[in-house]
């Protein structure tokens, strides 16, 4: 009989915490705390904060992100960014 652990590994727990921190940071960018961010808000953040993106770079990023009626799910965006980071 084989033993299969059902507990999360420390690495999984650390990744979950980093993902949660990323999503929290994205939620702080949202002006209305609705769990989503407008394309305009995200564009502004990309072009004015931290390592600033050029207008062209920001538009390229936005073209890769699914949006529903101009709104982007913060949780979905966080997971997408986190997966891209983990894949590197």
N, C-alpha and C. Protein backbone atom coordinates (compact mmCIF):
# COMPACT_ATOMS: atom_id res chain seq x y z
N UNK A 1 0.84 -1.17 0.00
CA UNK A 1 0.00 0.00 0.00
C UNK A 1 0.89 1.24 0.00
N UNK A 2 0.59 2.17 -0.86
CA UNK A 2 1.39 3.39 -0.98
C UNK A 2 0.76 4.50 -0.15
N UNK A 3 1.62 5.31 0.43
CA UNK A 3 1.16 6.46 1.22
C UNK A 3 1.15 7.68 0.32
N UNK A 4 0.03 8.35 0.27
CA UNK A 4 -0.08 9.57 -0.52
C UNK A 4 -0.43 10.70 0.42
N UNK A 5 0.41 11.70 0.45
CA UNK A 5 0.18 12.85 1.33
C UNK A 5 -0.89 13.75 0.72
N UNK A 6 -1.81 14.15 1.55
CA UNK A 6 -2.84 15.09 1.10
C UNK A 6 -2.56 16.50 1.59
N UNK A 7 -1.43 16.68 2.27
CA UNK A 7 -1.08 18.00 2.77
C UNK A 7 -0.33 18.76 1.69
N UNK A 8 -0.54 20.06 1.68
CA UNK A 8 0.19 20.91 0.75
C UNK A 8 1.64 20.98 1.18
N UNK A 9 2.52 21.04 0.21
CA UNK A 9 3.92 21.20 0.53
C UNK A 9 4.19 22.63 0.95
N UNK A 10 5.33 22.84 1.59
CA UNK A 10 5.71 24.19 1.99
C UNK A 10 5.79 25.09 0.77
N UNK A 11 6.31 24.55 -0.35
CA UNK A 11 6.43 25.34 -1.58
C UNK A 11 5.05 25.78 -2.06
N UNK A 12 4.06 24.86 -2.03
CA UNK A 12 2.70 25.22 -2.45
C UNK A 12 2.14 26.32 -1.56
N UNK A 13 2.36 26.20 -0.25
CA UNK A 13 1.86 27.21 0.69
C UNK A 13 2.50 28.57 0.43
N UNK A 14 3.80 28.57 0.16
CA UNK A 14 4.50 29.82 -0.14
C UNK A 14 3.98 30.43 -1.43
N UNK A 15 3.71 29.60 -2.43
CA UNK A 15 3.18 30.12 -3.69
C UNK A 15 1.78 30.69 -3.49
N UNK A 16 0.96 30.01 -2.68
CA UNK A 16 -0.38 30.52 -2.39
C UNK A 16 -0.31 31.88 -1.71
N UNK A 17 0.63 32.04 -0.77
CA UNK A 17 0.78 33.32 -0.07
C UNK A 17 1.24 34.41 -1.03
N UNK A 18 2.18 34.09 -1.94
CA UNK A 18 2.65 35.09 -2.90
C UNK A 18 1.53 35.48 -3.85
N UNK A 19 0.74 34.51 -4.28
CA UNK A 19 -0.39 34.81 -5.16
C UNK A 19 -1.38 35.72 -4.44
N UNK A 20 -1.67 35.42 -3.19
CA UNK A 20 -2.61 36.24 -2.40
C UNK A 20 -2.08 37.66 -2.25
N UNK A 21 -0.78 37.81 -2.02
CA UNK A 21 -0.17 39.15 -1.90
C UNK A 21 -0.29 39.90 -3.22
N UNK A 22 -0.07 39.20 -4.32
CA UNK A 22 -0.18 39.83 -5.64
C UNK A 22 -1.61 40.30 -5.88
N UNK A 23 -2.57 39.45 -5.58
CA UNK A 23 -3.97 39.82 -5.78
C UNK A 23 -4.35 41.00 -4.87
N UNK A 24 -3.86 40.99 -3.63
CA UNK A 24 -4.12 42.11 -2.71
C UNK A 24 -3.58 43.42 -3.28
N UNK A 25 -2.37 43.37 -3.82
CA UNK A 25 -1.77 44.57 -4.41
C UNK A 25 -2.59 45.07 -5.58
N UNK A 26 -3.08 44.15 -6.41
CA UNK A 26 -3.91 44.54 -7.55
C UNK A 26 -5.23 45.15 -7.07
N UNK A 27 -5.80 44.58 -6.02
CA UNK A 27 -7.06 45.12 -5.49
C UNK A 27 -6.89 46.54 -4.97
N UNK A 28 -5.72 46.85 -4.43
CA UNK A 28 -5.46 48.20 -3.96
C UNK A 28 -5.43 49.20 -5.11
N UNK A 29 -5.11 48.73 -6.31
CA UNK A 29 -5.09 49.61 -7.48
C UNK A 29 -6.49 49.93 -7.97
N UNK A 30 -7.43 49.06 -7.69
CA UNK A 30 -8.80 49.26 -8.14
C UNK A 30 -9.43 50.40 -7.37
N UNK A 31 -10.03 51.32 -8.08
CA UNK A 31 -10.60 52.50 -7.43
C UNK A 31 -11.86 52.20 -6.65
N UNK A 32 -12.59 51.14 -7.02
CA UNK A 32 -13.87 50.89 -6.35
C UNK A 32 -13.92 49.58 -5.55
N UNK A 33 -12.80 48.90 -5.40
CA UNK A 33 -12.72 47.65 -4.61
C UNK A 33 -13.78 46.63 -5.02
N UNK A 34 -14.02 46.51 -6.31
CA UNK A 34 -15.06 45.62 -6.82
C UNK A 34 -14.54 44.25 -7.22
N UNK A 35 -13.24 44.03 -7.09
CA UNK A 35 -12.66 42.76 -7.54
C UNK A 35 -12.32 42.78 -9.01
N UNK A 36 -12.40 43.95 -9.58
CA UNK A 36 -12.03 44.11 -10.99
C UNK A 36 -11.39 45.48 -11.16
N UNK A 37 -10.67 45.60 -12.25
CA UNK A 37 -9.98 46.86 -12.55
C UNK A 37 -10.28 47.21 -14.00
N UNK A 38 -10.48 48.48 -14.26
CA UNK A 38 -10.77 48.88 -15.64
C UNK A 38 -9.48 48.85 -16.45
N UNK A 39 -9.64 48.70 -17.74
CA UNK A 39 -8.47 48.72 -18.63
C UNK A 39 -7.73 50.05 -18.47
N UNK A 40 -8.49 51.13 -18.28
CA UNK A 40 -7.89 52.45 -18.13
C UNK A 40 -7.05 52.54 -16.86
N UNK A 41 -7.58 51.99 -15.75
CA UNK A 41 -6.83 52.00 -14.49
C UNK A 41 -5.54 51.20 -14.63
N UNK A 42 -5.63 50.02 -15.24
CA UNK A 42 -4.44 49.19 -15.39
C UNK A 42 -3.43 49.85 -16.32
N UNK A 43 -3.91 50.48 -17.39
CA UNK A 43 -3.02 51.19 -18.30
C UNK A 43 -2.27 52.28 -17.54
N UNK A 44 -2.99 53.03 -16.72
CA UNK A 44 -2.36 54.10 -15.94
C UNK A 44 -1.29 53.55 -15.00
N UNK A 45 -1.60 52.45 -14.32
CA UNK A 45 -0.63 51.84 -13.41
C UNK A 45 0.60 51.37 -14.18
N UNK A 46 0.38 50.72 -15.31
CA UNK A 46 1.50 50.20 -16.10
C UNK A 46 2.43 51.31 -16.61
N UNK A 47 1.86 52.45 -16.93
CA UNK A 47 2.66 53.52 -17.54
C UNK A 47 3.16 54.57 -16.55
N UNK A 48 2.74 54.48 -15.27
CA UNK A 48 3.16 55.51 -14.32
C UNK A 48 3.83 54.98 -13.06
N UNK A 49 3.80 53.67 -12.83
CA UNK A 49 4.33 53.11 -11.58
C UNK A 49 5.52 52.20 -11.81
N UNK A 50 6.42 52.18 -10.85
CA UNK A 50 7.55 51.25 -10.88
C UNK A 50 8.35 51.33 -12.15
N UNK A 51 8.64 50.16 -12.73
CA UNK A 51 9.32 50.11 -14.02
C UNK A 51 8.28 50.43 -15.08
N UNK A 52 8.20 51.69 -15.44
CA UNK A 52 7.14 52.17 -16.32
C UNK A 52 7.20 51.53 -17.71
N UNK A 53 6.04 51.12 -18.19
CA UNK A 53 5.91 50.60 -19.54
C UNK A 53 5.73 51.78 -20.49
N UNK A 54 6.17 51.61 -21.73
CA UNK A 54 5.85 52.60 -22.75
C UNK A 54 4.38 52.40 -23.12
N UNK A 55 3.80 53.35 -23.81
CA UNK A 55 2.42 53.22 -24.26
C UNK A 55 2.25 51.97 -25.10
N UNK A 56 3.19 51.72 -25.99
CA UNK A 56 3.13 50.54 -26.86
C UNK A 56 3.19 49.26 -26.04
N UNK A 57 4.11 49.19 -25.07
CA UNK A 57 4.23 48.00 -24.23
C UNK A 57 2.95 47.77 -23.42
N UNK A 58 2.41 48.83 -22.85
CA UNK A 58 1.18 48.71 -22.06
C UNK A 58 0.03 48.22 -22.92
N UNK A 59 -0.09 48.73 -24.13
CA UNK A 59 -1.15 48.29 -25.04
C UNK A 59 -0.96 46.82 -25.43
N UNK A 60 0.29 46.39 -25.59
CA UNK A 60 0.56 44.98 -25.91
C UNK A 60 0.12 44.09 -24.75
N UNK A 61 0.45 44.49 -23.53
CA UNK A 61 0.04 43.72 -22.35
C UNK A 61 -1.48 43.65 -22.28
N UNK A 62 -2.13 44.79 -22.44
CA UNK A 62 -3.59 44.82 -22.35
C UNK A 62 -4.26 43.97 -23.42
N UNK A 63 -3.63 43.85 -24.58
CA UNK A 63 -4.21 43.04 -25.65
C UNK A 63 -4.20 41.55 -25.30
N UNK A 64 -3.36 41.15 -24.36
CA UNK A 64 -3.27 39.74 -23.96
C UNK A 64 -4.21 39.38 -22.82
N UNK A 65 -4.81 40.39 -22.22
CA UNK A 65 -5.64 40.17 -21.03
C UNK A 65 -7.11 40.21 -21.41
N UNK A 66 -7.83 39.11 -21.13
CA UNK A 66 -9.26 39.12 -21.43
C UNK A 66 -10.00 40.13 -20.54
N UNK A 67 -10.87 40.88 -21.16
CA UNK A 67 -11.65 41.88 -20.42
C UNK A 67 -13.12 41.72 -20.79
N UNK A 68 -13.96 41.90 -19.81
CA UNK A 68 -15.39 41.83 -20.04
C UNK A 68 -15.96 43.23 -19.93
N UNK A 69 -16.39 43.76 -21.07
CA UNK A 69 -16.94 45.11 -21.13
C UNK A 69 -15.99 46.15 -20.55
N UNK A 70 -14.69 45.98 -20.84
CA UNK A 70 -13.69 46.95 -20.39
C UNK A 70 -13.16 46.71 -18.99
N UNK A 71 -13.63 45.67 -18.32
CA UNK A 71 -13.21 45.36 -16.96
C UNK A 71 -12.39 44.08 -16.94
N UNK A 72 -11.39 44.05 -16.08
CA UNK A 72 -10.49 42.91 -15.95
C UNK A 72 -10.64 42.35 -14.55
N UNK A 73 -10.83 41.04 -14.45
CA UNK A 73 -10.92 40.38 -13.15
C UNK A 73 -9.56 40.45 -12.45
N UNK A 74 -9.53 40.99 -11.25
CA UNK A 74 -8.28 41.11 -10.51
C UNK A 74 -7.74 39.73 -10.16
N UNK A 75 -8.60 38.83 -9.74
CA UNK A 75 -8.13 37.48 -9.40
C UNK A 75 -7.57 36.78 -10.64
N UNK A 76 -8.28 36.89 -11.76
CA UNK A 76 -7.80 36.28 -13.00
C UNK A 76 -6.48 36.88 -13.45
N UNK A 77 -6.37 38.20 -13.35
CA UNK A 77 -5.13 38.89 -13.72
C UNK A 77 -4.00 38.45 -12.81
N UNK A 78 -4.28 38.38 -11.51
CA UNK A 78 -3.26 37.95 -10.55
C UNK A 78 -2.77 36.55 -10.84
N UNK A 79 -3.69 35.65 -11.13
CA UNK A 79 -3.30 34.27 -11.43
C UNK A 79 -2.49 34.20 -12.72
N UNK A 80 -2.88 34.98 -13.72
CA UNK A 80 -2.15 34.99 -14.98
C UNK A 80 -0.73 35.52 -14.78
N UNK A 81 -0.59 36.62 -14.04
CA UNK A 81 0.73 37.20 -13.78
C UNK A 81 1.57 36.25 -12.95
N UNK A 82 0.96 35.61 -11.97
CA UNK A 82 1.68 34.69 -11.10
C UNK A 82 2.18 33.49 -11.89
N UNK A 83 1.34 32.94 -12.76
CA UNK A 83 1.74 31.79 -13.58
C UNK A 83 2.89 32.16 -14.50
N UNK A 84 2.84 33.37 -15.06
CA UNK A 84 3.92 33.83 -15.93
C UNK A 84 5.22 33.94 -15.13
N UNK A 85 5.12 34.40 -13.89
CA UNK A 85 6.29 34.55 -13.03
C UNK A 85 6.86 33.19 -12.65
N UNK A 86 6.01 32.25 -12.31
CA UNK A 86 6.45 30.91 -11.91
C UNK A 86 7.08 30.18 -13.08
N UNK A 87 6.58 30.42 -14.29
CA UNK A 87 7.09 29.75 -15.49
C UNK A 87 8.49 30.20 -15.87
N UNK A 88 8.90 31.38 -15.42
CA UNK A 88 10.21 31.92 -15.82
C UNK A 88 11.33 31.21 -15.19
